Amino acid sequence: MKHLKILLLLTFAFIGSSTYAHEKTDTIKVNGGSCETCKLQIEKTVKVSGVTKVEWNVKTKLLIVTYSSHEIRNIDIQKKLAEAGYDTEKEMATDEAYNKLEACCKYRKK
């Protein structure tokens, strides 16, 4: 009986640790304006299945995102941002996507 309890305890410990072991937190540079509209739009764009926490800093232009690496990858997050008009470290928004941004959210120099 004692061995069974130990086996069950180890099984639950392994299951619990493997569930949380795939959660990652990354910092991604995301170009955007300096208004609350940009912050809300960037954070909304990234709030998809697999993402558990997101915070974009208007001043530093850094996005801190926590996600399940089993459900979504960092590059997928950056692609979503580019599709919404925001340039990231690895993905550039198309001119068409960028031009759809609110005037206050435009960040590219002319």
C-alpha atoms as a PDB file:
ATOM      1  CA  MET A   1       0.000   0.000   0.000  1.00  0.00           C
ATOM      2  CA  LYS A   2       2.847   2.359   0.844  1.00  0.00           C
ATOM      3  CA  HIS A   3       4.403   1.782  -2.594  1.00  0.00           C
ATOM      4  CA  LEU A   4       1.069   2.507  -4.280  1.00  0.00           C
ATOM      5  CA  LYS A   5       0.758   5.843  -2.466  1.00  0.00           C
ATOM      6  CA  ILE A   6       4.287   6.827  -3.457  1.00  0.00           C
ATOM      7  CA  LEU A   7       3.627   5.823  -7.061  1.00  0.00           C
ATOM      8  CA  LEU A   8       0.418   7.876  -7.159  1.00  0.00           C
ATOM      9  CA  LEU A   9       2.148  10.865  -5.596  1.00  0.00           C
ATOM     10  CA  LEU A  10       4.980  10.726  -8.131  1.00  0.00           C
ATOM     11  CA  THR A  11       2.491  10.340 -10.990  1.00  0.00           C
ATOM     12  CA  PHE A  12       0.536  13.435  -9.953  1.00  0.00           C
ATOM     13  CA  ALA A  13       3.747  15.408  -9.430  1.00  0.00           C
ATOM     14  CA  PHE A  14       4.946  14.486 -12.922  1.00  0.00           C
ATOM     15  CA  ILE A  15       1.611  15.377 -14.546  1.00  0.00           C
ATOM     16  CA  GLY A  16       1.487  18.713 -12.736  1.00  0.00           C
ATOM     17  CA  SER A  17       5.029  19.676 -13.649  1.00  0.00           C
ATOM     18  CA  SER A  18       4.674  18.687 -17.291  1.00  0.00           C
ATOM     19  CA  THR A  19       1.533  20.806 -17.637  1.00  0.00           C
ATOM     20  CA  TYR A  20       3.277  23.987 -16.517  1.00  0.00           C
ATOM     21  CA  ALA A  21       6.665  23.227 -18.057  1.00  0.00           C
ATOM     22  CA  HIS A  22       5.484  24.405 -21.476  1.00  0.00           C
ATOM     23  CA  GLU A  23       4.422  27.881 -20.409  1.00  0.00           C
ATOM     24  CA  LYS A  24       6.861  30.482 -21.710  1.00  0.00           C
ATOM     25  CA  THR A  25       7.260  34.197 -21.165  1.00  0.00           C
ATOM     26  CA  ASP A  26       8.920  36.210 -23.927  1.00  0.00           C
ATOM     27  CA  THR A  27       9.617  39.884 -24.484  1.00  0.00           C
ATOM     28  CA  ILE A  28       8.973  41.144 -28.004  1.00  0.00           C
ATOM     29  CA  LYS A  29       9.746  44.620 -29.362  1.00  0.00           C
ATOM     30  CA  VAL A  30       6.537  45.917 -31.008  1.00  0.00           C
ATOM     31  CA  ASN A  31       6.497  49.249 -32.808  1.00  0.00           C
ATOM     32  CA  GLY A  32       3.422  51.336 -32.207  1.00  0.00           C
ATOM     33  CA  GLY A  33       2.278  54.795 -31.310  1.00  0.00           C
ATOM     34  CA  SER A  34       2.238  56.170 -27.800  1.00  0.00           C
ATOM     35  CA  CYS A  35      -1.481  56.170 -27.060  1.00  0.00           C
ATOM     36  CA  GLU A  36      -3.873  53.975 -25.132  1.00  0.00           C
ATOM     37  CA  THR A  37      -5.529  52.914 -28.410  1.00  0.00           C
ATOM     38  CA  CYS A  38      -2.283  51.258 -29.547  1.00  0.00           C
ATOM     39  CA  LYS A  39      -1.845  49.520 -26.211  1.00  0.00           C
ATOM     40  CA  LEU A  40      -5.376  48.139 -26.289  1.00  0.00           C
ATOM     41  CA  GLN A  41      -5.146  47.037 -29.921  1.00  0.00           C
ATOM     42  CA  ILE A  42      -1.761  45.344 -29.535  1.00  0.00           C
ATOM     43  CA  GLU A  43      -2.863  43.485 -26.405  1.00  0.00           C
ATOM     44  CA  LYS A  44      -6.202  42.521 -27.984  1.00  0.00           C
ATOM     45  CA  THR A  45      -4.448  41.203 -31.097  1.00  0.00           C
ATOM     46  CA  VAL A  46      -2.295  38.854 -29.016  1.00  0.00           C
ATOM     47  CA  LYS A  47      -5.058  37.573 -26.727  1.00  0.00           C
ATOM     48  CA  VAL A  48      -5.607  34.320 -28.601  1.00  0.00           C
ATOM     49  CA  SER A  49      -5.824  30.665 -27.646  1.00  0.00           C
ATOM     50  CA  GLY A  50      -2.678  29.645 -25.802  1.00  0.00           C
ATOM     51  CA  VAL A  51      -1.809  33.141 -24.563  1.00  0.00           C
ATOM     52  CA  THR A  52      -2.389  33.571 -20.838  1.00  0.00           C
ATOM     53  CA  LYS A  53      -0.932  37.010 -20.121  1.00  0.00           C
ATOM     54  CA  VAL A  54      -0.012  40.034 -22.202  1.00  0.00           C
ATOM     55  CA  GLU A  55       1.246  43.531 -21.357  1.00  0.00           C
ATOM     56  CA  TRP A  56       2.599  46.125 -23.817  1.00  0.00           C
ATOM     57  CA  ASN A  57       4.555  49.074 -22.439  1.00  0.00           C
ATOM     58  CA  VAL A  58       3.823  52.255 -24.396  1.00  0.00           C
ATOM     59  CA  LYS A  59       7.151  53.894 -23.485  1.00  0.00           C
ATOM     60  CA  THR A  60       9.548  50.998 -24.038  1.00  0.00           C
ATOM     61  CA  LYS A  61       7.526  49.389 -26.882  1.00  0.00           C
ATOM     62  CA  LEU A  62       8.121  46.002 -25.241  1.00  0.00           C
ATOM     63  CA  LEU A  63       5.429  43.333 -25.155  1.00  0.00           C
ATOM     64  CA  ILE A  64       5.663  40.756 -22.390  1.00  0.00           C
ATOM     65  CA  VAL A  65       3.633  37.721 -23.338  1.00  0.00           C
ATOM     66  CA  THR A  66       3.117  34.447 -21.488  1.00  0.00           C
ATOM     67  CA  TYR A  67       1.864  31.543 -23.567  1.00  0.00           C
ATOM     68  CA  SER A  68       1.709  27.780 -23.933  1.00  0.00           C
ATOM     69  CA  SER A  69       4.406  26.686 -26.346  1.00  0.00           C
ATOM     70  CA  HIS A  70       2.242  23.654 -27.162  1.00  0.00           C
ATOM     71  CA  GLU A  71      -0.526  25.882 -28.543  1.00  0.00           C
ATOM     72  CA  ILE A  72       1.263  28.842 -30.142  1.00  0.00           C
ATOM     73  CA  ARG A  73       4.797  29.902 -31.048  1.00  0.00           C
ATOM     74  CA  ASN A  74       6.537  33.238 -30.606  1.00  0.00           C
ATOM     75  CA  ILE A  75       6.745  33.736 -34.378  1.00  0.00           C
ATOM     76  CA  ASP A  76       2.977  33.136 -34.674  1.00  0.00           C
ATOM     77  CA  ILE A  77       2.386  35.915 -32.155  1.00  0.00           C
ATOM     78  CA  GLN A  78       4.641  38.242 -34.145  1.00  0.00           C
ATOM     79  CA  LYS A  79       2.823  37.362 -37.373  1.00  0.00           C
ATOM     80  CA  LYS A  80      -0.521  38.251 -35.775  1.00  0.00           C
ATOM     81  CA  LEU A  81       0.866  41.628 -34.747  1.00  0.00           C
ATOM     82  CA  ALA A  82       2.204  42.283 -38.256  1.00  0.00           C
ATOM     83  CA  GLU A  83      -1.196  41.356 -39.726  1.00  0.00           C
ATOM     84  CA  ALA A  84      -2.707  44.010 -37.437  1.00  0.00           C
ATOM     85  CA  GLY A  85      -0.255  46.659 -38.714  1.00  0.00           C
ATOM     86  CA  TYR A  86       2.495  46.544 -36.101  1.00  0.00           C
ATOM     87  CA  ASP A  87       6.152  45.806 -36.929  1.00  0.00           C
ATOM     88  CA  THR A  88       7.978  43.414 -34.606  1.00  0.00           C
ATOM     89  CA  GLU A  89      11.528  42.148 -34.316  1.00  0.00           C
ATOM     90  CA  LYS A  90      10.968  39.412 -36.897  1.00  0.00           C
ATOM     91  CA  GLU A  91       7.831  40.407 -38.818  1.00  0.00           C
ATOM     92  CA  MET A  92       7.061  43.583 -40.751  1.00  0.00           C
ATOM     93  CA  ALA A  93       3.509  44.742 -41.292  1.00  0.00           C
ATOM     94  CA  THR A  94       2.454  45.230 -44.879  1.00  0.00           C
ATOM     95  CA  ASP A  95       1.796  48.807 -45.962  1.00  0.00           C
ATOM     96  CA  GLU A  96      -1.869  47.859 -46.357  1.00  0.00           C
ATOM     97  CA  ALA A  97      -2.125  46.630 -42.746  1.00  0.00           C
ATOM     98  CA  TYR A  98      -0.134  49.608 -41.436  1.00  0.00           C
ATOM     99  CA  ASN A  99      -2.337  52.123 -43.269  1.00  0.00           C
ATOM    100  CA  LYS A 100      -5.415  50.742 -41.494  1.00  0.00           C
ATOM    101  CA  LEU A 101      -4.082  51.895 -38.117  1.00  0.00           C
ATOM    102  CA  GLU A 102      -5.584  54.927 -36.408  1.00  0.00           C
ATOM    103  CA  ALA A 103      -3.625  58.123 -37.138  1.00  0.00           C
ATOM    104  CA  CYS A 104      -2.332  58.291 -33.549  1.00  0.00           C
ATOM    105  CA  CYS A 105      -1.018  54.737 -33.820  1.00  0.00           C
ATOM    106  CA  LYS A 106       1.151  55.306 -36.888  1.00  0.00           C
ATOM    107  CA  TYR A 107       4.804  55.095 -35.945  1.00  0.00           C
ATOM    108  CA  ARG A 108       6.747  54.935 -39.226  1.00  0.00           C
ATOM    109  CA  LYS A 109       8.692  58.031 -40.215  1.00  0.00           C
ATOM    110  CA  LYS A 110       7.736  59.458 -43.594  1.00  0.00           C
END
